[in-house]
């Protein structure tokens, strides 16, 4: 090691490889405490994902309702009263509600993966008598 300049003092050499010491462990090899901790962690991840999805769906629905209502008011003042009632009924109320519930029914890949992991943890805990 010609390019390693240590000035003759090898006692002070510290090698840090900055490797990640958290090695993945399959769920089947985890003990009960680790499984319970993993269950809580994945449940928190799933809850935060659902809250985020609800918030995004609500904001999109409110935006659509606002735009439809603004368009209906503009049409009402331009002399199209019947058309504005139709726009308010469809675009202002029905469409946002349908959009909101439809988006909540669909599960993302992340949600599906977390639900599968939670089910597996539940089965492992049940097998171990908890």
N, C-alpha and C. Protein backbone atom coordinates (compact mmCIF):
# COMPACT_ATOMS: atom_id res chain seq x y z
N UNK A 1 0.85 -1.18 0.00
CA UNK A 1 0.00 0.00 0.00
C UNK A 1 0.89 1.24 0.00
N UNK A 2 1.46 1.51 -1.14
CA UNK A 2 2.38 2.63 -1.23
C UNK A 2 1.68 3.98 -1.08
N UNK A 3 0.41 4.09 -1.57
CA UNK A 3 -0.24 5.39 -1.55
C UNK A 3 -0.94 5.69 -0.23
N UNK A 4 -0.88 4.77 0.74
CA UNK A 4 -1.49 4.99 2.04
C UNK A 4 -0.46 5.68 2.92
N UNK A 5 -0.63 6.98 3.14
CA UNK A 5 0.35 7.77 3.88
C UNK A 5 -0.04 7.77 5.35
N UNK A 6 0.62 6.97 6.14
CA UNK A 6 0.29 6.89 7.56
C UNK A 6 1.44 7.39 8.45
N UNK A 7 2.53 7.79 7.86
CA UNK A 7 3.70 8.30 8.58
C UNK A 7 4.19 7.32 9.65
N UNK A 8 4.00 6.06 9.40
CA UNK A 8 4.50 5.05 10.31
C UNK A 8 3.61 4.78 11.50
N UNK A 9 2.48 5.44 11.63
CA UNK A 9 1.60 5.25 12.78
C UNK A 9 0.33 4.54 12.32
N UNK A 10 0.30 3.23 12.44
CA UNK A 10 -0.84 2.44 11.98
C UNK A 10 -1.90 2.32 13.07
N UNK A 11 -1.60 2.64 14.30
CA UNK A 11 -2.55 2.50 15.41
C UNK A 11 -3.75 3.44 15.27
N UNK A 12 -3.64 4.52 14.57
CA UNK A 12 -4.69 5.52 14.50
C UNK A 12 -5.60 5.39 13.28
N UNK A 13 -5.53 4.30 12.56
CA UNK A 13 -6.32 4.12 11.35
C UNK A 13 -7.71 3.63 11.72
N UNK A 14 -8.74 4.36 11.27
CA UNK A 14 -10.13 3.98 11.50
C UNK A 14 -10.79 3.86 10.14
N UNK A 15 -11.37 2.73 9.88
CA UNK A 15 -12.05 2.51 8.61
C UNK A 15 -13.55 2.46 8.87
N UNK A 16 -14.28 3.35 8.22
CA UNK A 16 -15.73 3.39 8.34
C UNK A 16 -16.31 3.24 6.94
N UNK A 17 -17.03 2.16 6.72
CA UNK A 17 -17.54 1.93 5.37
C UNK A 17 -18.94 2.52 5.16
N UNK A 18 -19.51 3.13 6.19
CA UNK A 18 -20.83 3.77 6.11
C UNK A 18 -21.89 2.82 5.58
N UNK A 19 -21.79 1.57 5.91
CA UNK A 19 -22.79 0.62 5.44
C UNK A 19 -24.00 0.67 6.35
N UNK A 20 -25.10 0.28 5.80
CA UNK A 20 -26.34 0.24 6.56
C UNK A 20 -26.36 -1.05 7.37
N UNK A 21 -26.44 -0.91 8.67
CA UNK A 21 -26.40 -2.09 9.53
C UNK A 21 -27.77 -2.74 9.68
N UNK A 22 -28.83 -2.12 9.19
CA UNK A 22 -30.16 -2.70 9.27
C UNK A 22 -30.33 -3.70 8.13
N UNK A 23 -30.15 -4.94 8.45
CA UNK A 23 -30.27 -5.99 7.46
C UNK A 23 -31.72 -6.46 7.45
N UNK A 24 -32.30 -6.60 6.25
CA UNK A 24 -33.68 -7.04 6.14
C UNK A 24 -33.83 -8.44 6.70
N UNK A 25 -34.88 -8.60 7.47
CA UNK A 25 -35.16 -9.88 8.10
C UNK A 25 -36.57 -10.30 7.69
N UNK A 26 -36.74 -11.48 7.13
CA UNK A 26 -38.09 -11.91 6.75
C UNK A 26 -39.02 -11.96 7.96
N UNK A 27 -40.29 -11.71 7.72
CA UNK A 27 -41.26 -11.68 8.82
C UNK A 27 -41.34 -13.01 9.55
N UNK A 28 -41.14 -14.10 8.84
CA UNK A 28 -41.24 -15.41 9.47
C UNK A 28 -40.12 -15.65 10.48
N UNK A 29 -39.03 -14.89 10.40
CA UNK A 29 -37.91 -15.05 11.32
C UNK A 29 -37.95 -14.06 12.47
N UNK A 30 -38.92 -13.16 12.48
CA UNK A 30 -39.02 -12.15 13.54
C UNK A 30 -39.65 -12.75 14.79
N UNK A 31 -39.26 -12.21 15.94
CA UNK A 31 -39.90 -12.65 17.18
C UNK A 31 -41.19 -11.85 17.38
N UNK A 32 -41.90 -12.12 18.45
CA UNK A 32 -43.22 -11.52 18.67
C UNK A 32 -43.13 -10.01 18.82
N UNK A 33 -42.13 -9.53 19.57
CA UNK A 33 -41.99 -8.08 19.76
C UNK A 33 -41.71 -7.37 18.44
N UNK A 34 -40.85 -7.96 17.63
CA UNK A 34 -40.55 -7.36 16.32
C UNK A 34 -41.78 -7.36 15.42
N UNK A 35 -42.55 -8.44 15.48
CA UNK A 35 -43.77 -8.50 14.66
C UNK A 35 -44.78 -7.45 15.11
N UNK A 36 -44.94 -7.27 16.40
CA UNK A 36 -45.88 -6.26 16.90
C UNK A 36 -45.41 -4.86 16.52
N UNK A 37 -44.12 -4.62 16.61
CA UNK A 37 -43.58 -3.31 16.20
C UNK A 37 -43.79 -3.08 14.70
N UNK A 38 -43.54 -4.12 13.91
CA UNK A 38 -43.72 -4.02 12.46
C UNK A 38 -45.19 -3.80 12.10
N UNK A 39 -46.08 -4.44 12.84
CA UNK A 39 -47.52 -4.28 12.60
C UNK A 39 -47.93 -2.82 12.85
N UNK A 40 -47.48 -2.26 13.97
CA UNK A 40 -47.80 -0.85 14.28
C UNK A 40 -47.23 0.08 13.21
N UNK A 41 -46.00 -0.19 12.80
CA UNK A 41 -45.35 0.66 11.80
C UNK A 41 -46.12 0.63 10.47
N UNK A 42 -46.45 -0.57 10.01
CA UNK A 42 -47.17 -0.68 8.74
C UNK A 42 -48.59 -0.13 8.83
N UNK A 43 -49.22 -0.27 9.99
CA UNK A 43 -50.55 0.29 10.18
C UNK A 43 -50.49 1.82 10.11
N UNK A 44 -49.45 2.41 10.71
CA UNK A 44 -49.28 3.87 10.63
C UNK A 44 -49.04 4.31 9.20
N UNK A 45 -48.24 3.55 8.45
CA UNK A 45 -48.01 3.88 7.05
C UNK A 45 -49.30 3.83 6.25
N UNK A 46 -50.10 2.80 6.49
CA UNK A 46 -51.36 2.65 5.78
C UNK A 46 -52.34 3.76 6.14
N UNK A 47 -52.42 4.10 7.42
CA UNK A 47 -53.31 5.18 7.85
C UNK A 47 -52.92 6.51 7.23
N UNK A 48 -51.63 6.81 7.20
CA UNK A 48 -51.19 8.08 6.61
C UNK A 48 -51.45 8.11 5.11
N UNK A 49 -51.29 6.97 4.44
CA UNK A 49 -51.58 6.91 2.99
C UNK A 49 -53.07 7.15 2.73
N UNK A 50 -53.93 6.56 3.54
CA UNK A 50 -55.38 6.75 3.37
C UNK A 50 -55.77 8.19 3.66
N UNK A 51 -55.20 8.79 4.71
CA UNK A 51 -55.49 10.20 5.01
C UNK A 51 -55.06 11.10 3.86
N UNK A 52 -53.90 10.83 3.31
CA UNK A 52 -53.40 11.64 2.19
C UNK A 52 -54.31 11.49 0.97
N UNK A 53 -54.76 10.27 0.72
CA UNK A 53 -55.64 10.03 -0.42
C UNK A 53 -56.98 10.73 -0.23
N UNK A 54 -57.51 10.69 0.99
CA UNK A 54 -58.77 11.38 1.28
C UNK A 54 -58.62 12.89 1.09
N UNK A 55 -57.51 13.43 1.57
CA UNK A 55 -57.29 14.87 1.45
C UNK A 55 -57.19 15.29 -0.01
N UNK A 56 -56.46 14.51 -0.81
CA UNK A 56 -56.33 14.84 -2.23
C UNK A 56 -57.67 14.73 -2.95
N UNK A 57 -58.44 13.68 -2.64
CA UNK A 57 -59.74 13.50 -3.28
C UNK A 57 -60.71 14.61 -2.89
N UNK A 58 -60.69 14.98 -1.61
CA UNK A 58 -61.57 16.06 -1.14
C UNK A 58 -61.20 17.38 -1.83
N UNK A 59 -59.91 17.67 -1.92
CA UNK A 59 -59.50 18.92 -2.56
C UNK A 59 -59.87 18.95 -4.04
N UNK A 60 -59.71 17.82 -4.73
CA UNK A 60 -60.08 17.77 -6.15
C UNK A 60 -61.59 17.93 -6.31
N UNK A 61 -62.36 17.30 -5.45
CA UNK A 61 -63.82 17.41 -5.52
C UNK A 61 -64.28 18.84 -5.25
N UNK A 62 -63.69 19.47 -4.25
CA UNK A 62 -64.06 20.86 -3.95
C UNK A 62 -63.67 21.79 -5.09
N UNK A 63 -62.54 21.53 -5.71
CA UNK A 63 -62.12 22.36 -6.85
C UNK A 63 -63.10 22.22 -8.01
N UNK A 64 -63.50 20.99 -8.31
CA UNK A 64 -64.47 20.76 -9.40
C UNK A 64 -65.80 21.43 -9.07
N UNK A 65 -66.25 21.30 -7.83
CA UNK A 65 -67.51 21.94 -7.43
C UNK A 65 -67.43 23.45 -7.55
N UNK A 66 -66.29 24.02 -7.16
CA UNK A 66 -66.11 25.47 -7.25
C UNK A 66 -66.13 25.95 -8.70
N UNK A 67 -65.42 25.25 -9.56
CA UNK A 67 -65.38 25.63 -10.98
C UNK A 67 -66.75 25.51 -11.61
N UNK A 68 -67.46 24.42 -11.32
CA UNK A 68 -68.80 24.23 -11.89
C UNK A 68 -69.77 25.29 -11.39
N UNK A 69 -69.68 25.63 -10.12
CA UNK A 69 -70.56 26.67 -9.57
C UNK A 69 -70.24 28.03 -10.16
N UNK A 70 -68.97 28.33 -10.31
CA UNK A 70 -68.58 29.61 -10.91
C UNK A 70 -69.05 29.69 -12.36
N UNK A 71 -68.92 28.59 -13.10
CA UNK A 71 -69.38 28.56 -14.49
C UNK A 71 -70.90 28.71 -14.57
N UNK A 72 -71.61 28.09 -13.63
CA UNK A 72 -73.08 28.19 -13.62
C UNK A 72 -73.52 29.61 -13.30
N UNK A 73 -72.86 30.25 -12.36
CA UNK A 73 -73.21 31.65 -12.02
C UNK A 73 -72.93 32.55 -13.20
N UNK A 74 -71.83 32.33 -13.88
CA UNK A 74 -71.51 33.14 -15.05
C UNK A 74 -72.58 32.95 -16.14
N UNK A 75 -73.01 31.71 -16.37
CA UNK A 75 -74.07 31.46 -17.36
C UNK A 75 -75.41 32.06 -16.92
N UNK A 76 -75.68 32.04 -15.62
CA UNK A 76 -76.94 32.61 -15.12
C UNK A 76 -77.00 34.10 -15.41
N UNK A 77 -75.91 34.79 -15.18
CA UNK A 77 -75.90 36.24 -15.42
C UNK A 77 -75.83 36.58 -16.91
N UNK A 78 -75.49 35.64 -17.75
CA UNK A 78 -75.48 35.86 -19.19
C UNK A 78 -76.78 35.42 -19.84
N UNK A 79 -77.80 35.08 -19.05
CA UNK A 79 -79.11 34.79 -19.59
C UNK A 79 -79.41 33.33 -19.85
N UNK A 80 -78.60 32.42 -19.40
CA UNK A 80 -78.83 30.99 -19.60
C UNK A 80 -79.18 30.33 -18.26
N UNK A 81 -80.34 30.69 -17.71
CA UNK A 81 -80.73 30.24 -16.37
C UNK A 81 -80.94 28.73 -16.31
N UNK A 82 -81.58 28.15 -17.32
CA UNK A 82 -81.82 26.70 -17.29
C UNK A 82 -80.52 25.91 -17.41
N UNK A 83 -79.62 26.38 -18.24
CA UNK A 83 -78.33 25.70 -18.40
C UNK A 83 -77.51 25.79 -17.11
N UNK A 84 -77.61 26.92 -16.42
CA UNK A 84 -76.85 27.08 -15.18
C UNK A 84 -77.38 26.13 -14.09
N UNK A 85 -78.68 25.87 -14.05
CA UNK A 85 -79.23 24.92 -13.08
C UNK A 85 -78.71 23.51 -13.37
N UNK A 86 -78.63 23.17 -14.64
CA UNK A 86 -78.12 21.86 -15.04
C UNK A 86 -76.65 21.71 -14.63
N UNK A 87 -75.87 22.75 -14.85
CA UNK A 87 -74.45 22.71 -14.50
C UNK A 87 -74.27 22.58 -12.99
N UNK A 88 -75.07 23.32 -12.23
CA UNK A 88 -74.96 23.23 -10.77
C UNK A 88 -75.34 21.82 -10.31
N UNK A 89 -76.39 21.25 -10.89
CA UNK A 89 -76.83 19.92 -10.46
C UNK A 89 -75.79 18.85 -10.77
N UNK A 90 -75.24 18.87 -11.98
CA UNK A 90 -74.30 17.83 -12.38
C UNK A 90 -72.88 18.13 -11.89
N UNK A 91 -72.38 19.27 -12.28
CA UNK A 91 -70.97 19.58 -12.00
C UNK A 91 -70.69 20.05 -10.60
N UNK A 92 -71.69 20.65 -9.96
CA UNK A 92 -71.44 21.21 -8.65
C UNK A 92 -71.69 20.26 -7.51
N UNK A 93 -72.55 19.27 -7.70
CA UNK A 93 -72.90 18.39 -6.59
C UNK A 93 -72.67 16.91 -6.88
N UNK A 94 -73.20 16.43 -7.97
CA UNK A 94 -73.17 14.99 -8.23
C UNK A 94 -71.77 14.51 -8.61
N UNK A 95 -71.14 15.17 -9.55
CA UNK A 95 -69.83 14.72 -10.03
C UNK A 95 -68.76 14.71 -8.94
N UNK A 96 -68.63 15.75 -8.11
CA UNK A 96 -67.60 15.70 -7.07
C UNK A 96 -67.83 14.59 -6.04
N UNK A 97 -69.10 14.33 -5.72
CA UNK A 97 -69.38 13.27 -4.76
C UNK A 97 -69.01 11.92 -5.35
N UNK A 98 -69.37 11.70 -6.61
CA UNK A 98 -69.02 10.43 -7.26
C UNK A 98 -67.51 10.28 -7.39
N UNK A 99 -66.84 11.36 -7.75
CA UNK A 99 -65.38 11.32 -7.87
C UNK A 99 -64.72 11.00 -6.54
N UNK A 100 -65.21 11.59 -5.48
CA UNK A 100 -64.64 11.38 -4.15
C UNK A 100 -64.76 9.91 -3.74
N UNK A 101 -65.96 9.35 -3.84
CA UNK A 101 -66.15 7.97 -3.41
C UNK A 101 -65.46 6.96 -4.33
N UNK A 102 -65.41 7.27 -5.61
CA UNK A 102 -64.72 6.37 -6.54
C UNK A 102 -63.23 6.34 -6.26
N UNK A 103 -62.65 7.47 -5.96
CA UNK A 103 -61.21 7.50 -5.68
C UNK A 103 -60.88 6.80 -4.36
N UNK A 104 -61.81 6.80 -3.41
CA UNK A 104 -61.55 6.13 -2.14
C UNK A 104 -61.66 4.61 -2.28
N UNK A 105 -62.45 4.14 -3.23
CA UNK A 105 -62.61 2.70 -3.42
C UNK A 105 -61.36 2.05 -4.00
N UNK A 106 -60.67 2.75 -4.89
CA UNK A 106 -59.48 2.19 -5.51
C UNK A 106 -58.32 2.18 -4.53
N UNK A 107 -57.60 1.07 -4.49
CA UNK A 107 -56.45 0.97 -3.61
C UNK A 107 -55.18 1.09 -4.45
N UNK A 108 -54.24 1.86 -3.94
CA UNK A 108 -52.97 2.00 -4.63
C UNK A 108 -52.12 0.75 -4.39
N UNK A 109 -51.06 0.62 -5.16
CA UNK A 109 -50.15 -0.52 -4.99
C UNK A 109 -49.54 -0.52 -3.60
N UNK A 110 -49.25 0.66 -3.09
CA UNK A 110 -48.67 0.78 -1.75
C UNK A 110 -49.65 0.26 -0.70
N UNK A 111 -50.92 0.63 -0.83
CA UNK A 111 -51.93 0.16 0.13
C UNK A 111 -52.08 -1.35 0.07
N UNK A 112 -52.11 -1.89 -1.13
CA UNK A 112 -52.26 -3.34 -1.29
C UNK A 112 -51.08 -4.07 -0.65
N UNK A 113 -49.87 -3.55 -0.86
CA UNK A 113 -48.68 -4.18 -0.29
C UNK A 113 -48.71 -4.12 1.24
N UNK A 114 -49.13 -2.99 1.81
CA UNK A 114 -49.19 -2.87 3.26
C UNK A 114 -50.26 -3.77 3.85
N UNK A 115 -51.40 -3.88 3.18
CA UNK A 115 -52.48 -4.75 3.66
C UNK A 115 -52.04 -6.20 3.65
N UNK A 116 -51.34 -6.62 2.59
CA UNK A 116 -50.83 -7.99 2.53
C UNK A 116 -49.84 -8.26 3.66
N UNK A 117 -48.97 -7.29 3.93
CA UNK A 117 -47.99 -7.47 5.01
C UNK A 117 -48.70 -7.52 6.36
N UNK A 118 -49.70 -6.68 6.56
CA UNK A 118 -50.46 -6.72 7.82
C UNK A 118 -51.17 -8.05 8.00
N UNK A 119 -51.73 -8.57 6.92
CA UNK A 119 -52.39 -9.88 7.00
C UNK A 119 -51.39 -10.98 7.35
N UNK A 120 -50.21 -10.91 6.73
CA UNK A 120 -49.18 -11.92 7.03
C UNK A 120 -48.73 -11.84 8.48
N UNK A 121 -48.54 -10.62 8.98
CA UNK A 121 -48.14 -10.45 10.38
C UNK A 121 -49.23 -10.98 11.31
N UNK A 122 -50.49 -10.70 10.98
CA UNK A 122 -51.60 -11.18 11.79
C UNK A 122 -51.62 -12.71 11.83
N UNK A 123 -51.40 -13.34 10.70
CA UNK A 123 -51.38 -14.80 10.65
C UNK A 123 -50.20 -15.37 11.46
N UNK A 124 -49.03 -14.74 11.35
CA UNK A 124 -47.88 -15.20 12.12
C UNK A 124 -48.10 -15.07 13.62
N UNK A 125 -48.71 -13.95 14.03
CA UNK A 125 -48.99 -13.76 15.45
C UNK A 125 -50.04 -14.77 15.94
N UNK A 126 -51.01 -15.05 15.10
CA UNK A 126 -52.04 -16.03 15.46
C UNK A 126 -51.42 -17.42 15.60
N UNK A 127 -50.50 -17.77 14.70
CA UNK A 127 -49.83 -19.07 14.78
C UNK A 127 -49.00 -19.21 16.06
N UNK A 128 -48.49 -18.08 16.52
CA UNK A 128 -47.64 -18.11 17.72
C UNK A 128 -48.46 -17.94 19.00
N UNK A 129 -49.77 -17.92 18.86
CA UNK A 129 -50.63 -17.91 20.04
C UNK A 129 -51.00 -16.54 20.56
N UNK A 130 -50.86 -15.50 19.78
CA UNK A 130 -51.24 -14.15 20.25
C UNK A 130 -52.40 -13.61 19.47
